Amino acid sequence: MGDGDRAALQDVMLRYTAGVDERDMDLYRSCFVEDLEVYGMGPKPVYGREAWIEFVIKALERYGPTQHMLGPQLATIAGDFAETRNDLQATHVLAADPAKAFVLWATYKTNMRRTDDGWKIVCHELVTRATATVPLNT
């Protein structure tokens, strides 16, 4: 895997988190192929990019500001396919109680494919490690 591919794979995940935190759904949408599969984000898998975008928009209604922080990415690549792993800590201020935040510690396991428009997520899985609702100092 070349350094260019490594940087491009990391950039996909950085666009992913920036899209969520900035509520920029066009940026977020740019991370995915149309026939996306998502696991571990809800009670059942989500199939398709547009269904996933709708799921995320609805989920974000429960939160005010969010911040998704990624650890270094572990990536393996075989031709036009890559498997990546990012540890994650995400803080979500609760819309119903802005003095509290939901904090998630997890791992993203993400498969990507090289397309004519660069690397795109084809399969994305959230593996939750722990969660907590914590008071914020405001």
N, C-alpha and C. Protein backbone atom coordinates (compact mmCIF):
# COMPACT_ATOMS: atom_id res chain seq x y z
N MET A 1 0.86 -1.18 0.00
CA MET A 1 0.00 0.00 0.00
C MET A 1 0.89 1.22 0.00
N GLY A 2 0.66 2.13 -0.93
CA GLY A 2 1.44 3.35 -1.00
C GLY A 2 0.95 4.39 -0.01
N ASP A 3 1.83 5.36 0.26
CA ASP A 3 1.46 6.44 1.17
C ASP A 3 0.26 7.22 0.65
N GLY A 4 0.13 7.35 -0.68
CA GLY A 4 -1.02 8.06 -1.26
C GLY A 4 -2.32 7.36 -0.93
N ASP A 5 -2.33 6.03 -1.03
CA ASP A 5 -3.54 5.28 -0.67
C ASP A 5 -3.83 5.40 0.82
N ARG A 6 -2.80 5.30 1.64
CA ARG A 6 -2.99 5.41 3.09
C ARG A 6 -3.62 6.76 3.45
N ALA A 7 -3.10 7.84 2.89
CA ALA A 7 -3.64 9.18 3.16
C ALA A 7 -5.07 9.30 2.64
N ALA A 8 -5.34 8.74 1.46
CA ALA A 8 -6.68 8.82 0.90
C ALA A 8 -7.69 8.06 1.75
N LEU A 9 -7.31 6.89 2.26
CA LEU A 9 -8.19 6.11 3.13
C LEU A 9 -8.47 6.87 4.43
N GLN A 10 -7.44 7.48 5.01
CA GLN A 10 -7.64 8.28 6.22
C GLN A 10 -8.54 9.47 5.94
N ASP A 11 -8.36 10.09 4.79
CA ASP A 11 -9.18 11.25 4.44
C ASP A 11 -10.66 10.89 4.34
N VAL A 12 -10.97 9.70 3.86
CA VAL A 12 -12.38 9.28 3.80
C VAL A 12 -12.97 9.32 5.21
N MET A 13 -12.27 8.76 6.18
CA MET A 13 -12.80 8.73 7.54
C MET A 13 -12.82 10.12 8.17
N LEU A 14 -11.87 10.97 7.82
CA LEU A 14 -11.89 12.34 8.33
C LEU A 14 -13.06 13.13 7.73
N ARG A 15 -13.37 12.89 6.45
CA ARG A 15 -14.56 13.52 5.85
C ARG A 15 -15.82 12.98 6.50
N TYR A 16 -15.83 11.69 6.80
CA TYR A 16 -16.95 11.04 7.48
C TYR A 16 -17.25 11.76 8.79
N THR A 17 -16.23 11.91 9.65
CA THR A 17 -16.47 12.53 10.95
C THR A 17 -16.76 14.02 10.82
N ALA A 18 -16.09 14.71 9.92
CA ALA A 18 -16.37 16.13 9.72
C ALA A 18 -17.78 16.34 9.20
N GLY A 19 -18.22 15.47 8.29
CA GLY A 19 -19.58 15.58 7.77
C GLY A 19 -20.62 15.46 8.86
N VAL A 20 -20.43 14.52 9.78
CA VAL A 20 -21.37 14.35 10.90
C VAL A 20 -21.30 15.56 11.83
N ASP A 21 -20.10 15.92 12.26
CA ASP A 21 -19.97 16.97 13.27
C ASP A 21 -20.37 18.34 12.75
N GLU A 22 -20.17 18.59 11.46
CA GLU A 22 -20.56 19.86 10.86
C GLU A 22 -21.97 19.82 10.28
N ARG A 23 -22.59 18.63 10.32
CA ARG A 23 -23.93 18.42 9.75
C ARG A 23 -23.93 18.75 8.26
N ASP A 24 -22.84 18.39 7.60
CA ASP A 24 -22.68 18.60 6.16
C ASP A 24 -22.96 17.27 5.47
N MET A 25 -24.22 17.05 5.14
CA MET A 25 -24.62 15.76 4.59
C MET A 25 -24.10 15.55 3.17
N ASP A 26 -23.79 16.61 2.43
CA ASP A 26 -23.18 16.42 1.11
C ASP A 26 -21.76 15.88 1.27
N LEU A 27 -21.00 16.43 2.21
CA LEU A 27 -19.66 15.92 2.49
C LEU A 27 -19.75 14.48 2.98
N TYR A 28 -20.67 14.23 3.90
CA TYR A 28 -20.86 12.89 4.45
C TYR A 28 -21.21 11.89 3.35
N ARG A 29 -22.18 12.25 2.53
CA ARG A 29 -22.63 11.38 1.44
C ARG A 29 -21.48 11.02 0.50
N SER A 30 -20.53 11.93 0.32
CA SER A 30 -19.41 11.71 -0.61
C SER A 30 -18.50 10.56 -0.17
N CYS A 31 -18.67 10.07 1.04
CA CYS A 31 -17.82 9.01 1.58
C CYS A 31 -18.26 7.61 1.15
N PHE A 32 -19.46 7.47 0.61
CA PHE A 32 -20.08 6.15 0.46
C PHE A 32 -20.40 5.79 -0.99
N VAL A 33 -20.37 4.48 -1.27
CA VAL A 33 -20.93 3.97 -2.52
C VAL A 33 -22.44 3.88 -2.36
N GLU A 34 -23.12 3.78 -3.47
CA GLU A 34 -24.58 3.74 -3.45
C GLU A 34 -25.12 2.50 -2.73
N ASP A 35 -24.45 1.34 -2.91
CA ASP A 35 -24.94 0.09 -2.33
C ASP A 35 -24.28 -0.22 -0.98
N LEU A 36 -24.09 0.80 -0.19
CA LEU A 36 -23.49 0.73 1.14
C LEU A 36 -24.22 -0.26 2.06
N GLU A 37 -23.44 -0.91 2.95
CA GLU A 37 -24.00 -1.72 4.03
C GLU A 37 -23.42 -1.20 5.35
N VAL A 38 -24.30 -1.02 6.37
CA VAL A 38 -23.86 -0.51 7.67
C VAL A 38 -24.39 -1.43 8.76
N TYR A 39 -23.49 -1.78 9.69
CA TYR A 39 -23.82 -2.69 10.78
C TYR A 39 -23.44 -2.07 12.12
N GLY A 40 -24.21 -2.43 13.16
CA GLY A 40 -23.85 -2.05 14.52
C GLY A 40 -24.28 -0.66 14.95
N MET A 41 -24.99 0.05 14.12
CA MET A 41 -25.41 1.41 14.46
C MET A 41 -26.85 1.47 15.00
N GLY A 42 -27.54 0.39 14.87
CA GLY A 42 -28.92 0.34 15.33
C GLY A 42 -29.33 -1.10 15.51
N PRO A 43 -30.61 -1.33 15.71
CA PRO A 43 -31.07 -2.70 15.96
C PRO A 43 -30.95 -3.63 14.76
N LYS A 44 -30.83 -3.07 13.55
CA LYS A 44 -30.69 -3.90 12.36
C LYS A 44 -29.78 -3.20 11.36
N PRO A 45 -29.22 -3.94 10.42
CA PRO A 45 -28.35 -3.32 9.40
C PRO A 45 -29.11 -2.29 8.57
N VAL A 46 -28.37 -1.38 7.99
CA VAL A 46 -28.92 -0.40 7.06
C VAL A 46 -28.27 -0.65 5.70
N TYR A 47 -29.10 -0.73 4.67
CA TYR A 47 -28.61 -1.02 3.32
C TYR A 47 -28.91 0.17 2.41
N GLY A 48 -27.89 0.65 1.73
CA GLY A 48 -28.04 1.74 0.77
C GLY A 48 -27.61 3.08 1.34
N ARG A 49 -26.91 3.85 0.51
CA ARG A 49 -26.39 5.15 0.95
C ARG A 49 -27.51 6.10 1.39
N GLU A 50 -28.57 6.22 0.62
CA GLU A 50 -29.61 7.18 0.96
C GLU A 50 -30.37 6.76 2.22
N ALA A 51 -30.59 5.47 2.40
CA ALA A 51 -31.22 5.00 3.64
C ALA A 51 -30.33 5.30 4.83
N TRP A 52 -29.01 5.16 4.65
CA TRP A 52 -28.07 5.46 5.73
C TRP A 52 -28.08 6.95 6.07
N ILE A 53 -28.08 7.80 5.05
CA ILE A 53 -28.10 9.25 5.28
C ILE A 53 -29.37 9.62 6.06
N GLU A 54 -30.50 9.08 5.66
CA GLU A 54 -31.76 9.34 6.38
C GLU A 54 -31.67 8.87 7.83
N PHE A 55 -31.08 7.71 8.07
CA PHE A 55 -30.90 7.17 9.42
C PHE A 55 -30.07 8.13 10.26
N VAL A 56 -28.97 8.63 9.71
CA VAL A 56 -28.07 9.52 10.44
C VAL A 56 -28.74 10.86 10.75
N ILE A 57 -29.42 11.43 9.77
CA ILE A 57 -30.12 12.70 10.00
C ILE A 57 -31.12 12.55 11.14
N LYS A 58 -31.87 11.48 11.15
CA LYS A 58 -32.85 11.22 12.22
C LYS A 58 -32.14 11.03 13.56
N ALA A 59 -31.06 10.26 13.58
CA ALA A 59 -30.32 10.01 14.83
C ALA A 59 -29.74 11.30 15.40
N LEU A 60 -29.26 12.19 14.54
CA LEU A 60 -28.65 13.43 15.00
C LEU A 60 -29.64 14.40 15.62
N GLU A 61 -30.93 14.18 15.40
CA GLU A 61 -31.95 15.04 16.02
C GLU A 61 -31.90 14.98 17.54
N ARG A 62 -31.36 13.89 18.08
CA ARG A 62 -31.28 13.72 19.54
C ARG A 62 -30.13 14.50 20.15
N TYR A 63 -29.26 15.07 19.32
CA TYR A 63 -28.04 15.67 19.82
C TYR A 63 -27.86 17.11 19.35
N GLY A 64 -27.19 17.87 20.21
CA GLY A 64 -26.67 19.17 19.82
C GLY A 64 -25.31 18.94 19.19
N PRO A 65 -24.31 19.68 19.62
CA PRO A 65 -22.96 19.49 19.05
C PRO A 65 -22.44 18.07 19.29
N THR A 66 -21.67 17.59 18.32
CA THR A 66 -20.99 16.30 18.44
C THR A 66 -19.54 16.49 18.06
N GLN A 67 -18.70 15.58 18.58
CA GLN A 67 -17.30 15.56 18.17
C GLN A 67 -16.85 14.11 18.11
N HIS A 68 -16.42 13.69 16.93
CA HIS A 68 -15.92 12.34 16.69
C HIS A 68 -14.41 12.40 16.52
N MET A 69 -13.68 11.77 17.43
CA MET A 69 -12.22 11.78 17.38
C MET A 69 -11.73 10.39 17.03
N LEU A 70 -10.92 10.30 15.98
CA LEU A 70 -10.41 9.03 15.49
C LEU A 70 -8.97 8.81 15.93
N GLY A 71 -8.67 7.57 16.28
CA GLY A 71 -7.28 7.18 16.50
C GLY A 71 -6.63 6.90 15.17
N PRO A 72 -5.35 6.61 15.18
CA PRO A 72 -4.65 6.27 13.94
C PRO A 72 -5.34 5.09 13.23
N GLN A 73 -5.25 5.10 11.93
CA GLN A 73 -5.92 4.07 11.12
C GLN A 73 -4.98 2.92 10.81
N LEU A 74 -5.48 1.72 11.01
CA LEU A 74 -4.81 0.51 10.55
C LEU A 74 -5.48 0.12 9.24
N ALA A 75 -4.71 -0.03 8.18
CA ALA A 75 -5.29 -0.32 6.87
C ALA A 75 -4.51 -1.40 6.15
N THR A 76 -5.24 -2.28 5.49
CA THR A 76 -4.64 -3.24 4.57
C THR A 76 -5.35 -3.07 3.23
N ILE A 77 -4.57 -3.20 2.17
CA ILE A 77 -5.13 -2.96 0.84
C ILE A 77 -4.73 -4.09 -0.08
N ALA A 78 -5.68 -4.47 -0.92
CA ALA A 78 -5.44 -5.48 -1.95
C ALA A 78 -6.06 -4.95 -3.23
N GLY A 79 -5.24 -4.39 -4.10
CA GLY A 79 -5.74 -3.82 -5.34
C GLY A 79 -6.66 -2.64 -5.07
N ASP A 80 -7.91 -2.79 -5.48
CA ASP A 80 -8.89 -1.71 -5.33
C ASP A 80 -9.80 -1.90 -4.12
N PHE A 81 -9.39 -2.72 -3.16
CA PHE A 81 -10.19 -2.98 -1.97
C PHE A 81 -9.33 -2.77 -0.73
N ALA A 82 -9.88 -2.14 0.29
CA ALA A 82 -9.14 -1.90 1.53
C ALA A 82 -10.01 -2.21 2.73
N GLU A 83 -9.38 -2.75 3.76
CA GLU A 83 -10.00 -2.94 5.06
C GLU A 83 -9.32 -1.99 6.03
N THR A 84 -10.12 -1.19 6.76
CA THR A 84 -9.54 -0.24 7.70
C THR A 84 -10.15 -0.43 9.08
N ARG A 85 -9.40 0.05 10.08
CA ARG A 85 -9.84 -0.01 11.47
C ARG A 85 -9.44 1.30 12.13
N ASN A 86 -10.43 1.98 12.73
CA ASN A 86 -10.17 3.21 13.47
C ASN A 86 -10.82 3.10 14.83
N ASP A 87 -10.05 3.35 15.90
CA ASP A 87 -10.67 3.52 17.20
C ASP A 87 -11.30 4.90 17.24
N LEU A 88 -12.34 5.02 18.06
CA LEU A 88 -13.18 6.22 18.05
C LEU A 88 -13.58 6.59 19.46
N GLN A 89 -13.56 7.87 19.75
CA GLN A 89 -14.25 8.40 20.92
C GLN A 89 -15.14 9.52 20.40
N ALA A 90 -16.43 9.39 20.66
CA ALA A 90 -17.40 10.37 20.16
C ALA A 90 -18.21 10.92 21.32
N THR A 91 -18.31 12.24 21.37
CA THR A 91 -19.08 12.93 22.38
C THR A 91 -20.27 13.58 21.71
N HIS A 92 -21.46 13.36 22.29
CA HIS A 92 -22.71 13.86 21.73
C HIS A 92 -23.43 14.64 22.83
N VAL A 93 -23.54 15.95 22.73
CA VAL A 93 -24.30 16.73 23.69
C VAL A 93 -25.78 16.41 23.49
N LEU A 94 -26.48 16.12 24.56
CA LEU A 94 -27.89 15.75 24.46
C LEU A 94 -28.74 16.98 24.17
N ALA A 95 -29.56 16.93 23.13
CA ALA A 95 -30.42 18.05 22.78
C ALA A 95 -31.44 18.31 23.89
N ALA A 96 -31.95 17.25 24.50
CA ALA A 96 -32.97 17.38 25.55
C ALA A 96 -32.39 17.86 26.89
N ASP A 97 -31.08 17.72 27.08
CA ASP A 97 -30.43 18.13 28.32
C ASP A 97 -28.99 18.52 28.01
N PRO A 98 -28.78 19.76 27.55
CA PRO A 98 -27.43 20.19 27.12
C PRO A 98 -26.39 20.21 28.24
N ALA A 99 -26.78 19.91 29.46
CA ALA A 99 -25.81 19.80 30.56
C ALA A 99 -25.23 18.39 30.63
N LYS A 100 -25.63 17.51 29.71
CA LYS A 100 -25.14 16.13 29.68
C LYS A 100 -24.70 15.75 28.27
N ALA A 101 -23.80 14.77 28.23
CA ALA A 101 -23.35 14.25 26.93
C ALA A 101 -23.32 12.73 26.98
N PHE A 102 -23.63 12.15 25.85
CA PHE A 102 -23.48 10.71 25.63
C PHE A 102 -22.11 10.52 25.01
N VAL A 103 -21.27 9.68 25.64
CA VAL A 103 -19.93 9.43 25.15
C VAL A 103 -19.83 7.97 24.71
N LEU A 104 -19.25 7.77 23.55
CA LEU A 104 -19.10 6.44 22.96
C LEU A 104 -17.62 6.15 22.74
N TRP A 105 -17.19 4.99 23.19
CA TRP A 105 -15.86 4.46 22.87
C TRP A 105 -16.09 3.25 21.98
N ALA A 106 -15.49 3.24 20.80
CA ALA A 106 -15.82 2.20 19.84
C ALA A 106 -14.69 2.03 18.82
N THR A 107 -14.92 1.09 17.92
CA THR A 107 -14.03 0.86 16.79
C THR A 107 -14.88 0.86 15.52
N TYR A 108 -14.41 1.58 14.50
CA TYR A 108 -14.99 1.50 13.17
C TYR A 108 -14.20 0.46 12.38
N LYS A 109 -14.89 -0.55 11.88
CA LYS A 109 -14.30 -1.50 10.93
C LYS A 109 -14.95 -1.20 9.59
N THR A 110 -14.14 -0.74 8.66
CA THR A 110 -14.67 -0.17 7.43
C THR A 110 -13.98 -0.77 6.22
N ASN A 111 -14.76 -1.25 5.28
CA ASN A 111 -14.23 -1.73 4.01
C ASN A 111 -14.48 -0.66 2.96
N MET A 112 -13.45 -0.40 2.16
CA MET A 112 -13.55 0.61 1.11
C MET A 112 -13.15 0.03 -0.23
N ARG A 113 -13.65 0.67 -1.27
CA ARG A 113 -13.34 0.28 -2.64
C ARG A 113 -12.88 1.52 -3.41
N ARG A 114 -11.85 1.36 -4.22
CA ARG A 114 -11.40 2.46 -5.07
C ARG A 114 -12.39 2.60 -6.22
N THR A 115 -12.89 3.79 -6.42
CA THR A 115 -13.84 4.07 -7.50
C THR A 115 -13.23 5.15 -8.41
N ASP A 116 -13.94 5.51 -9.45
CA ASP A 116 -13.49 6.60 -10.32
C ASP A 116 -13.41 7.92 -9.56
N ASP A 117 -14.15 8.02 -8.44
CA ASP A 117 -14.16 9.23 -7.61
C ASP A 117 -13.31 9.07 -6.36
N GLY A 118 -12.40 8.11 -6.34
CA GLY A 118 -11.55 7.89 -5.18
C GLY A 118 -12.10 6.78 -4.29
N TRP A 119 -11.49 6.62 -3.12
CA TRP A 119 -11.91 5.58 -2.19
C TRP A 119 -13.27 5.92 -1.59
N LYS A 120 -14.13 4.89 -1.48
CA LYS A 120 -15.48 5.04 -0.92
C LYS A 120 -15.75 3.88 0.03
N ILE A 121 -16.55 4.15 1.03
CA ILE A 121 -16.95 3.13 2.00
C ILE A 121 -18.02 2.24 1.38
N VAL A 122 -17.79 0.92 1.43
CA VAL A 122 -18.78 -0.05 0.93
C VAL A 122 -19.46 -0.80 2.07
N CYS A 123 -18.74 -0.98 3.17
CA CYS A 123 -19.29 -1.68 4.34
C CYS A 123 -18.68 -1.04 5.58
N HIS A 124 -19.53 -0.68 6.52
CA HIS A 124 -19.10 0.07 7.71
C HIS A 124 -19.73 -0.59 8.93
N GLU A 125 -18.91 -0.88 9.92
CA GLU A 125 -19.41 -1.52 11.14
C GLU A 125 -18.90 -0.77 12.36
N LEU A 126 -19.81 -0.51 13.31
CA LEU A 126 -19.46 0.07 14.59
C LEU A 126 -19.39 -1.05 15.61
N VAL A 127 -18.26 -1.19 16.29
CA VAL A 127 -18.09 -2.15 17.38
C VAL A 127 -17.99 -1.32 18.66
N THR A 128 -19.05 -1.31 19.44
CA THR A 128 -19.09 -0.51 20.66
C THR A 128 -18.26 -1.17 21.74
N ARG A 129 -17.41 -0.38 22.40
CA ARG A 129 -16.59 -0.86 23.52
C ARG A 129 -17.23 -0.46 24.85
N ALA A 130 -17.71 0.77 24.95
CA ALA A 130 -18.36 1.26 26.16
C ALA A 130 -19.10 2.55 25.85
N THR A 131 -20.08 2.88 26.68
CA THR A 131 -20.78 4.15 26.56
C THR A 131 -21.01 4.71 27.96
N ALA A 132 -21.24 6.02 28.03
CA ALA A 132 -21.57 6.66 29.29
C ALA A 132 -22.33 7.94 29.01
N THR A 133 -23.22 8.30 29.90
CA THR A 133 -23.83 9.62 29.89
C THR A 133 -23.19 10.38 31.04
N VAL A 134 -22.59 11.52 30.71
CA VAL A 134 -21.79 12.25 31.69
C VAL A 134 -22.26 13.70 31.79
N PRO A 135 -22.10 14.31 32.99
CA PRO A 135 -22.42 15.74 33.12
C PRO A 135 -21.34 16.58 32.44
N LEU A 136 -21.76 17.71 31.92
CA LEU A 136 -20.82 18.65 31.32
C LEU A 136 -20.67 19.86 32.23
N ASN A 137 -19.50 20.41 32.27
CA ASN A 137 -19.28 21.65 33.01
C ASN A 137 -19.61 22.80 32.08
N THR A 138 -20.72 23.46 32.34
CA THR A 138 -21.13 24.55 31.46
C THR A 138 -21.03 25.89 32.15
